[in-house]
């Protein structure tokens, strides 16, 4: 089944496929509890170990299970979103103003940049900022 035919649901501000969320939760619960129970079993067999330490160490093995579950879920269920960032001239002006600068101050600062930094900006496709440079040279 392709991603386009799946139904997406918004959960806690993120868009997910419910089946994948469900299976990730099941994987997390199973591996976390398995880690905890294995820890309880193992640490209970150690003589002269304080019961509080048995619980604490068992919780640590449960956390390790949780981390393993996160890695497995991340490998099984890859992100589906594509993030595209495009800035218009008005947006750049708002961002510069929010930073406490004027467009003229930003243009002046950009005109003083070395060629290495300018090349990085080109690679990051920050053309709207590069356009602010005096004379519009890129």
N, C-alpha and C. Protein backbone atom coordinates (compact mmCIF):
# COMPACT_ATOMS: atom_id res chain seq x y z
N UNK A 1 0.85 -1.17 0.00
CA UNK A 1 0.00 0.00 0.00
C UNK A 1 0.90 1.23 0.00
N UNK A 2 0.69 2.15 -0.92
CA UNK A 2 1.54 3.34 -1.00
C UNK A 2 1.14 4.34 0.08
N UNK A 3 2.09 5.23 0.40
CA UNK A 3 1.83 6.24 1.43
C UNK A 3 0.70 7.18 1.03
N UNK A 4 0.52 7.39 -0.28
CA UNK A 4 -0.51 8.33 -0.72
C UNK A 4 -1.91 7.80 -0.45
N UNK A 5 -2.10 6.47 -0.43
CA UNK A 5 -3.43 5.91 -0.23
C UNK A 5 -3.74 5.69 1.25
N UNK A 6 -2.76 5.90 2.12
CA UNK A 6 -2.98 5.72 3.56
C UNK A 6 -3.61 6.97 4.14
N UNK A 7 -4.37 6.79 5.21
CA UNK A 7 -4.97 7.95 5.85
C UNK A 7 -4.08 8.41 7.00
N UNK A 8 -3.87 9.68 7.04
CA UNK A 8 -3.03 10.29 8.06
C UNK A 8 -3.91 10.94 9.12
N UNK A 9 -3.41 10.94 10.36
CA UNK A 9 -4.13 11.53 11.49
C UNK A 9 -3.16 12.42 12.24
N UNK A 10 -3.65 13.54 12.74
CA UNK A 10 -2.79 14.42 13.52
C UNK A 10 -2.84 14.01 14.99
N UNK A 11 -1.67 13.74 15.56
CA UNK A 11 -1.54 13.35 16.95
C UNK A 11 -0.45 14.20 17.57
N UNK A 12 -0.79 14.97 18.58
CA UNK A 12 0.16 15.82 19.29
C UNK A 12 0.97 16.71 18.35
N UNK A 13 0.28 17.28 17.38
CA UNK A 13 0.93 18.22 16.48
C UNK A 13 1.76 17.58 15.37
N UNK A 14 1.70 16.27 15.23
CA UNK A 14 2.43 15.60 14.16
C UNK A 14 1.45 14.75 13.35
N UNK A 15 1.77 14.52 12.11
CA UNK A 15 0.90 13.73 11.24
C UNK A 15 1.46 12.32 11.16
N UNK A 16 0.62 11.34 11.47
CA UNK A 16 1.06 9.94 11.53
C UNK A 16 0.04 9.03 10.84
N UNK A 17 0.50 7.82 10.55
CA UNK A 17 -0.39 6.76 10.09
C UNK A 17 -0.74 5.94 11.32
N UNK A 18 -2.02 5.82 11.62
CA UNK A 18 -2.45 5.19 12.87
C UNK A 18 -1.93 3.77 13.04
N UNK A 19 -1.92 2.98 11.99
CA UNK A 19 -1.42 1.60 12.11
C UNK A 19 0.04 1.59 12.56
N UNK A 20 0.85 2.45 11.97
CA UNK A 20 2.26 2.49 12.34
C UNK A 20 2.44 2.99 13.77
N UNK A 21 1.63 3.96 14.17
CA UNK A 21 1.68 4.44 15.54
C UNK A 21 1.31 3.33 16.51
N UNK A 22 0.27 2.57 16.18
CA UNK A 22 -0.17 1.47 17.02
C UNK A 22 0.94 0.42 17.17
N UNK A 23 1.52 0.00 16.03
CA UNK A 23 2.57 -1.02 16.09
C UNK A 23 3.81 -0.51 16.82
N UNK A 24 4.13 0.75 16.66
CA UNK A 24 5.27 1.33 17.40
C UNK A 24 4.99 1.29 18.90
N UNK A 25 3.76 1.61 19.29
CA UNK A 25 3.40 1.57 20.71
C UNK A 25 3.47 0.15 21.25
N UNK A 26 2.99 -0.81 20.49
CA UNK A 26 3.04 -2.21 20.93
C UNK A 26 4.49 -2.67 21.08
N UNK A 27 5.32 -2.33 20.09
CA UNK A 27 6.75 -2.69 20.17
C UNK A 27 7.37 -2.07 21.42
N UNK A 28 7.05 -0.80 21.67
CA UNK A 28 7.59 -0.11 22.84
C UNK A 28 7.15 -0.75 24.15
N UNK A 29 5.87 -1.05 24.26
CA UNK A 29 5.35 -1.65 25.50
C UNK A 29 5.98 -3.03 25.73
N UNK A 30 6.02 -3.85 24.68
CA UNK A 30 6.53 -5.21 24.82
C UNK A 30 8.01 -5.19 25.22
N UNK A 31 8.83 -4.42 24.51
CA UNK A 31 10.26 -4.43 24.81
C UNK A 31 10.59 -3.75 26.14
N UNK A 32 9.84 -2.72 26.49
CA UNK A 32 10.07 -2.06 27.78
C UNK A 32 9.72 -2.99 28.93
N UNK A 33 8.56 -3.62 28.84
CA UNK A 33 8.16 -4.54 29.91
C UNK A 33 9.04 -5.78 29.95
N UNK A 34 9.44 -6.27 28.78
CA UNK A 34 10.35 -7.43 28.75
C UNK A 34 11.67 -7.08 29.42
N UNK A 35 12.20 -5.90 29.11
CA UNK A 35 13.44 -5.47 29.75
C UNK A 35 13.30 -5.36 31.25
N UNK A 36 12.18 -4.80 31.69
CA UNK A 36 11.95 -4.66 33.13
C UNK A 36 11.84 -6.03 33.80
N UNK A 37 11.04 -6.91 33.23
CA UNK A 37 10.83 -8.23 33.84
C UNK A 37 12.11 -9.07 33.82
N UNK A 38 12.87 -8.98 32.76
CA UNK A 38 14.16 -9.67 32.72
C UNK A 38 15.07 -9.12 33.81
N UNK A 39 15.05 -7.80 33.98
CA UNK A 39 15.86 -7.17 35.03
C UNK A 39 15.44 -7.62 36.42
N UNK A 40 14.13 -7.66 36.68
CA UNK A 40 13.64 -8.13 37.98
C UNK A 40 14.10 -9.56 38.23
N UNK A 41 13.94 -10.41 37.24
CA UNK A 41 14.33 -11.81 37.37
C UNK A 41 15.83 -11.94 37.63
N UNK A 42 16.62 -11.22 36.87
CA UNK A 42 18.07 -11.32 37.01
C UNK A 42 18.56 -10.76 38.34
N UNK A 43 18.13 -9.55 38.67
CA UNK A 43 18.64 -8.89 39.87
C UNK A 43 18.07 -9.49 41.16
N UNK A 44 16.92 -10.14 41.08
CA UNK A 44 16.38 -10.82 42.27
C UNK A 44 17.23 -12.02 42.64
N UNK A 45 17.94 -12.58 41.68
CA UNK A 45 18.78 -13.74 41.94
C UNK A 45 20.11 -13.39 42.59
N UNK A 46 20.42 -12.11 42.68
CA UNK A 46 21.68 -11.69 43.30
C UNK A 46 21.47 -11.55 44.80
N UNK A 47 22.24 -12.30 45.56
CA UNK A 47 22.10 -12.27 47.02
C UNK A 47 22.61 -10.94 47.56
N UNK A 48 22.06 -10.54 48.69
CA UNK A 48 22.47 -9.33 49.43
C UNK A 48 22.28 -8.04 48.63
N UNK A 49 21.39 -8.06 47.65
CA UNK A 49 21.09 -6.84 46.90
C UNK A 49 19.81 -6.24 47.47
N UNK A 50 19.88 -5.00 47.86
CA UNK A 50 18.75 -4.29 48.46
C UNK A 50 17.55 -4.31 47.50
N UNK A 51 16.32 -4.53 48.02
CA UNK A 51 15.12 -4.55 47.16
C UNK A 51 14.95 -3.24 46.36
N UNK A 52 15.34 -2.14 46.95
CA UNK A 52 15.25 -0.86 46.22
C UNK A 52 16.18 -0.84 45.02
N UNK A 53 17.35 -1.43 45.18
CA UNK A 53 18.28 -1.49 44.05
C UNK A 53 17.78 -2.44 42.97
N UNK A 54 17.12 -3.51 43.38
CA UNK A 54 16.56 -4.45 42.41
C UNK A 54 15.56 -3.72 41.51
N UNK A 55 14.68 -2.93 42.12
CA UNK A 55 13.70 -2.17 41.35
C UNK A 55 14.38 -1.13 40.45
N UNK A 56 15.37 -0.43 41.01
CA UNK A 56 16.06 0.60 40.25
C UNK A 56 16.81 0.03 39.05
N UNK A 57 17.54 -1.05 39.27
CA UNK A 57 18.26 -1.69 38.16
C UNK A 57 17.29 -2.26 37.13
N UNK A 58 16.18 -2.78 37.60
CA UNK A 58 15.18 -3.33 36.69
C UNK A 58 14.57 -2.22 35.83
N UNK A 59 14.35 -1.07 36.43
CA UNK A 59 13.85 0.07 35.65
C UNK A 59 14.86 0.47 34.57
N UNK A 60 16.15 0.40 34.90
CA UNK A 60 17.18 0.73 33.91
C UNK A 60 17.14 -0.25 32.74
N UNK A 61 16.95 -1.54 33.01
CA UNK A 61 16.86 -2.50 31.91
C UNK A 61 15.59 -2.27 31.10
N UNK A 62 14.53 -1.81 31.76
CA UNK A 62 13.31 -1.44 31.05
C UNK A 62 13.55 -0.25 30.13
N UNK A 63 14.32 0.71 30.59
CA UNK A 63 14.64 1.88 29.76
C UNK A 63 15.48 1.45 28.56
N UNK A 64 16.39 0.52 28.77
CA UNK A 64 17.17 0.00 27.64
C UNK A 64 16.24 -0.65 26.62
N UNK A 65 15.25 -1.39 27.08
CA UNK A 65 14.25 -1.98 26.19
C UNK A 65 13.49 -0.91 25.43
N UNK A 66 13.18 0.18 26.09
CA UNK A 66 12.48 1.30 25.46
C UNK A 66 13.32 1.92 24.35
N UNK A 67 14.61 2.09 24.61
CA UNK A 67 15.51 2.66 23.61
C UNK A 67 15.62 1.72 22.40
N UNK A 68 15.72 0.43 22.66
CA UNK A 68 15.78 -0.54 21.57
C UNK A 68 14.49 -0.49 20.75
N UNK A 69 13.36 -0.35 21.43
CA UNK A 69 12.07 -0.24 20.73
C UNK A 69 12.04 1.01 19.85
N UNK A 70 12.58 2.11 20.34
CA UNK A 70 12.61 3.34 19.55
C UNK A 70 13.45 3.17 18.29
N UNK A 71 14.58 2.50 18.43
CA UNK A 71 15.45 2.26 17.26
C UNK A 71 14.74 1.36 16.25
N UNK A 72 14.11 0.31 16.73
CA UNK A 72 13.39 -0.61 15.84
C UNK A 72 12.25 0.12 15.12
N UNK A 73 11.48 0.90 15.86
CA UNK A 73 10.36 1.63 15.25
C UNK A 73 10.86 2.65 14.24
N UNK A 74 11.98 3.30 14.55
CA UNK A 74 12.53 4.28 13.60
C UNK A 74 12.99 3.61 12.32
N UNK A 75 13.51 2.39 12.43
CA UNK A 75 13.94 1.66 11.23
C UNK A 75 12.74 1.13 10.43
N UNK A 76 11.72 0.66 11.13
CA UNK A 76 10.55 0.10 10.45
C UNK A 76 9.67 1.16 9.81
N UNK A 77 9.49 2.28 10.49
CA UNK A 77 8.53 3.29 10.05
C UNK A 77 9.26 4.60 9.78
N UNK A 78 9.72 4.76 8.55
CA UNK A 78 10.47 5.94 8.15
C UNK A 78 9.55 7.16 8.09
N UNK A 79 10.12 8.37 8.28
CA UNK A 79 9.31 9.59 8.17
C UNK A 79 8.70 9.73 6.78
N UNK A 80 7.49 10.25 6.72
CA UNK A 80 6.79 10.39 5.44
C UNK A 80 6.77 11.83 4.95
N UNK A 81 7.11 12.76 5.79
CA UNK A 81 6.96 14.15 5.40
C UNK A 81 8.18 14.65 4.65
N UNK A 82 7.94 15.61 3.80
CA UNK A 82 9.01 16.29 3.08
C UNK A 82 8.93 17.75 3.50
N UNK A 83 10.01 18.24 4.04
CA UNK A 83 10.03 19.62 4.51
C UNK A 83 10.67 20.48 3.44
N UNK A 84 9.94 21.47 3.00
CA UNK A 84 10.46 22.42 2.03
C UNK A 84 10.40 23.80 2.65
N UNK A 85 11.52 24.49 2.57
CA UNK A 85 11.56 25.84 3.11
C UNK A 85 11.76 26.80 1.97
N UNK A 86 10.81 27.68 1.80
CA UNK A 86 10.91 28.72 0.78
C UNK A 86 10.54 30.03 1.46
N UNK A 87 11.39 31.01 1.26
CA UNK A 87 11.14 32.31 1.86
C UNK A 87 10.89 33.34 0.78
N UNK A 88 9.90 34.12 0.99
CA UNK A 88 9.64 35.25 0.12
C UNK A 88 10.32 36.47 0.73
N UNK A 89 10.47 37.51 -0.06
CA UNK A 89 11.16 38.71 0.39
C UNK A 89 10.51 39.29 1.65
N UNK A 90 9.16 39.30 1.70
CA UNK A 90 8.47 39.85 2.87
C UNK A 90 8.79 39.05 4.13
N UNK A 91 8.87 37.71 3.98
CA UNK A 91 9.17 36.86 5.13
C UNK A 91 10.58 37.13 5.64
N UNK A 92 11.53 37.30 4.74
CA UNK A 92 12.91 37.60 5.13
C UNK A 92 12.94 38.91 5.91
N UNK A 93 12.20 39.90 5.45
CA UNK A 93 12.16 41.19 6.15
C UNK A 93 11.59 41.04 7.55
N UNK A 94 10.57 40.20 7.71
CA UNK A 94 9.99 39.97 9.04
C UNK A 94 10.99 39.26 9.94
N UNK A 95 11.71 38.27 9.39
CA UNK A 95 12.70 37.54 10.18
C UNK A 95 13.81 38.46 10.63
N UNK A 96 14.28 39.32 9.72
CA UNK A 96 15.35 40.26 10.06
C UNK A 96 14.87 41.24 11.13
N UNK A 97 13.63 41.71 10.99
CA UNK A 97 13.08 42.63 12.00
C UNK A 97 12.96 41.95 13.35
N UNK A 98 12.56 40.67 13.35
CA UNK A 98 12.43 39.93 14.61
C UNK A 98 13.79 39.75 15.28
N UNK A 99 14.85 39.75 14.48
CA UNK A 99 16.21 39.63 15.03
C UNK A 99 16.74 40.96 15.54
N UNK A 100 15.94 42.01 15.37
CA UNK A 100 16.33 43.32 15.89
C UNK A 100 17.23 44.10 14.95
N UNK A 101 17.16 43.77 13.66
CA UNK A 101 17.97 44.48 12.68
C UNK A 101 17.07 45.07 11.61
N UNK A 102 17.64 45.98 10.83
CA UNK A 102 16.93 46.49 9.67
C UNK A 102 17.47 45.77 8.44
N UNK A 103 16.74 45.87 7.35
CA UNK A 103 17.18 45.23 6.12
C UNK A 103 18.51 45.83 5.67
N UNK A 104 18.67 47.13 5.87
CA UNK A 104 19.91 47.80 5.48
C UNK A 104 21.09 47.28 6.31
N UNK A 105 20.89 47.08 7.61
CA UNK A 105 21.95 46.55 8.47
C UNK A 105 22.33 45.13 8.05
N UNK A 106 21.32 44.33 7.72
CA UNK A 106 21.59 42.96 7.27
C UNK A 106 22.34 42.97 5.95
N UNK A 107 21.93 43.85 5.02
CA UNK A 107 22.60 43.95 3.73
C UNK A 107 24.06 44.35 3.92
N UNK A 108 24.31 45.28 4.82
CA UNK A 108 25.68 45.72 5.12
C UNK A 108 26.49 44.56 5.69
N UNK A 109 25.92 43.81 6.63
CA UNK A 109 26.62 42.68 7.22
C UNK A 109 26.91 41.61 6.17
N UNK A 110 25.97 41.38 5.27
CA UNK A 110 26.16 40.38 4.21
C UNK A 110 27.24 40.81 3.23
N UNK A 111 27.38 42.12 3.01
CA UNK A 111 28.39 42.59 2.07
C UNK A 111 29.80 42.38 2.60
N UNK A 112 29.94 42.17 3.90
CA UNK A 112 31.25 41.98 4.52
C UNK A 112 31.65 40.51 4.64
N UNK A 113 30.78 39.59 4.22
CA UNK A 113 31.06 38.17 4.38
C UNK A 113 32.18 37.71 3.45
N UNK A 114 32.93 36.72 3.92
CA UNK A 114 33.98 36.14 3.10
C UNK A 114 33.37 35.18 2.08
N UNK A 115 34.15 34.82 1.08
CA UNK A 115 33.64 33.98 -0.01
C UNK A 115 33.23 32.58 0.46
N UNK A 116 33.91 32.03 1.46
CA UNK A 116 33.57 30.70 1.98
C UNK A 116 32.17 30.68 2.58
N UNK A 117 31.85 31.70 3.36
CA UNK A 117 30.52 31.80 3.97
C UNK A 117 29.45 32.01 2.90
N UNK A 118 29.77 32.83 1.90
CA UNK A 118 28.82 33.05 0.80
C UNK A 118 28.55 31.75 0.04
N UNK A 119 29.59 30.94 -0.16
CA UNK A 119 29.41 29.67 -0.84
C UNK A 119 28.51 28.73 -0.03
N UNK A 120 28.69 28.74 1.30
CA UNK A 120 27.81 27.93 2.16
C UNK A 120 26.37 28.38 2.02
N UNK A 121 26.15 29.70 1.97
CA UNK A 121 24.79 30.22 1.82
C UNK A 121 24.20 29.80 0.48
N UNK A 122 25.03 29.76 -0.57
CA UNK A 122 24.55 29.31 -1.89
C UNK A 122 24.16 27.83 -1.82
N UNK A 123 24.98 27.02 -1.14
CA UNK A 123 24.69 25.60 -1.02
C UNK A 123 23.41 25.36 -0.23
N UNK A 124 23.13 26.22 0.75
CA UNK A 124 21.91 26.11 1.54
C UNK A 124 20.72 26.78 0.86
N UNK A 125 20.96 27.32 -0.34
CA UNK A 125 19.93 27.98 -1.15
C UNK A 125 19.27 29.14 -0.40
N UNK A 126 20.08 29.94 0.25
CA UNK A 126 19.58 31.13 0.95
C UNK A 126 19.65 32.33 0.01
N UNK A 127 19.02 32.17 -1.15
CA UNK A 127 19.11 33.19 -2.19
C UNK A 127 18.44 34.50 -1.80
N UNK A 128 17.38 34.43 -1.01
CA UNK A 128 16.70 35.67 -0.60
C UNK A 128 17.64 36.55 0.22
N UNK A 129 18.45 35.92 1.08
CA UNK A 129 19.43 36.69 1.84
C UNK A 129 20.56 37.18 0.94
N UNK A 130 20.98 36.34 0.02
CA UNK A 130 22.06 36.75 -0.89
C UNK A 130 21.62 37.92 -1.76
N UNK A 131 20.34 37.97 -2.09
CA UNK A 131 19.82 39.08 -2.89
C UNK A 131 19.91 40.41 -2.16
N UNK A 132 19.99 40.36 -0.84
CA UNK A 132 20.08 41.60 -0.06
C UNK A 132 21.46 42.26 -0.16
N UNK A 133 22.45 41.49 -0.57
CA UNK A 133 23.80 42.04 -0.66
C UNK A 133 23.81 43.22 -1.59
N UNK A 134 24.65 44.18 -1.29
CA UNK A 134 24.74 45.38 -2.14
C UNK A 134 25.06 45.01 -3.56
N UNK A 135 24.30 45.54 -4.48
CA UNK A 135 24.53 45.27 -5.90
C UNK A 135 23.92 43.97 -6.37
N UNK A 136 23.37 43.18 -5.44
CA UNK A 136 22.72 41.93 -5.81
C UNK A 136 23.66 40.88 -6.35
N UNK A 137 24.98 41.03 -6.14
CA UNK A 137 25.93 40.03 -6.66
C UNK A 137 25.89 38.79 -5.81
N UNK A 138 25.95 37.67 -6.47
CA UNK A 138 25.92 36.38 -5.77
C UNK A 138 27.19 35.66 -6.09
